[in-house]
């Protein structure tokens, strides 16, 4: 799990760097479009990782609630 968290953090940092570069606004058009595409890919990856983590947490909570009822 630590590896995935680390991957998430790295992707989030890359995304933040891309946003900063795009906000500066002094990039050539092609570079800006390329960064935008990279950013979309990173957003997709982060969303997938968050979705998986949310599912894992839900499973743990359900398991805990089931054990408490027994």
Protein backbone atom coordinates (compact mmCIF):
# COMPACT_ATOMS: atom_id res chain seq x y z
CA UNK A 1 0.00 0.00 0.00
CA UNK A 2 2.87 2.39 0.73
CA UNK A 3 4.10 2.07 -2.85
CA UNK A 4 0.72 3.08 -4.25
CA UNK A 5 0.50 5.98 -1.85
CA UNK A 6 3.95 7.08 -2.95
CA UNK A 7 2.88 6.78 -6.60
CA UNK A 8 -0.19 8.88 -5.85
CA UNK A 9 1.89 11.54 -4.12
CA UNK A 10 4.36 11.63 -7.03
CA UNK A 11 1.54 11.96 -9.56
CA UNK A 12 -0.09 14.70 -7.52
CA UNK A 13 3.20 16.61 -7.34
CA UNK A 14 3.68 16.25 -11.10
CA UNK A 15 0.15 17.53 -11.63
CA UNK A 16 0.78 20.53 -9.38
CA UNK A 17 3.95 21.34 -11.34
CA UNK A 18 2.04 21.14 -14.62
CA UNK A 19 -0.68 23.45 -13.29
CA UNK A 20 1.94 25.97 -12.19
CA UNK A 21 3.59 25.91 -15.61
CA UNK A 22 0.27 26.34 -17.40
CA UNK A 23 -0.78 29.18 -15.09
CA UNK A 24 2.40 31.10 -15.91
CA UNK A 25 1.11 31.28 -19.45
CA UNK A 26 4.46 31.84 -21.19
CA UNK A 27 4.68 28.44 -22.88
CA UNK A 28 4.58 27.79 -26.59
CA UNK A 29 1.22 26.42 -27.68
CA UNK A 30 2.50 22.91 -28.43
CA UNK A 31 4.19 22.66 -25.02
CA UNK A 32 1.03 23.88 -23.30
CA UNK A 33 -1.11 21.31 -25.11
CA UNK A 34 1.39 18.57 -24.29
CA UNK A 35 1.39 19.53 -20.60
CA UNK A 36 -2.41 19.64 -20.63
CA UNK A 37 -2.54 16.09 -22.02
CA UNK A 38 -0.06 14.92 -19.38
CA UNK A 39 -2.16 16.60 -16.72
CA UNK A 40 -5.32 14.83 -17.87
CA UNK A 41 -3.52 11.51 -17.74
CA UNK A 42 -2.30 12.23 -14.22
CA UNK A 43 -5.80 13.27 -13.12
CA UNK A 44 -7.18 10.00 -14.46
CA UNK A 45 -4.49 8.01 -12.65
CA UNK A 46 -5.06 9.85 -9.36
CA UNK A 47 -8.81 9.35 -9.61
CA UNK A 48 -8.37 5.63 -10.17
CA UNK A 49 -6.04 5.38 -7.17
CA UNK A 50 -8.48 7.32 -4.99
CA UNK A 51 -11.38 5.17 -6.16
CA UNK A 52 -9.46 2.02 -5.26
CA UNK A 53 -8.48 3.42 -1.84
CA UNK A 54 -12.10 4.42 -1.17
CA UNK A 55 -13.23 0.89 -2.00
CA UNK A 56 -10.58 -0.62 0.30
CA UNK A 57 -11.69 1.64 3.15
CA UNK A 58 -15.34 0.69 2.56
CA UNK A 59 -14.45 -3.01 2.70
CA UNK A 60 -12.55 -2.51 5.96
CA UNK A 61 -15.44 -0.58 7.49
CA UNK A 62 -17.97 -3.21 6.44
CA UNK A 63 -15.78 -5.97 7.83
CA UNK A 64 -15.39 -4.11 11.13
CA UNK A 65 -19.12 -3.49 11.40
CA UNK A 66 -19.85 -7.15 10.66
CA UNK A 67 -17.38 -8.30 13.33
CA UNK A 68 -18.89 -5.91 15.89
CA UNK A 69 -22.36 -7.39 15.30
CA UNK A 70 -21.15 -10.92 15.96
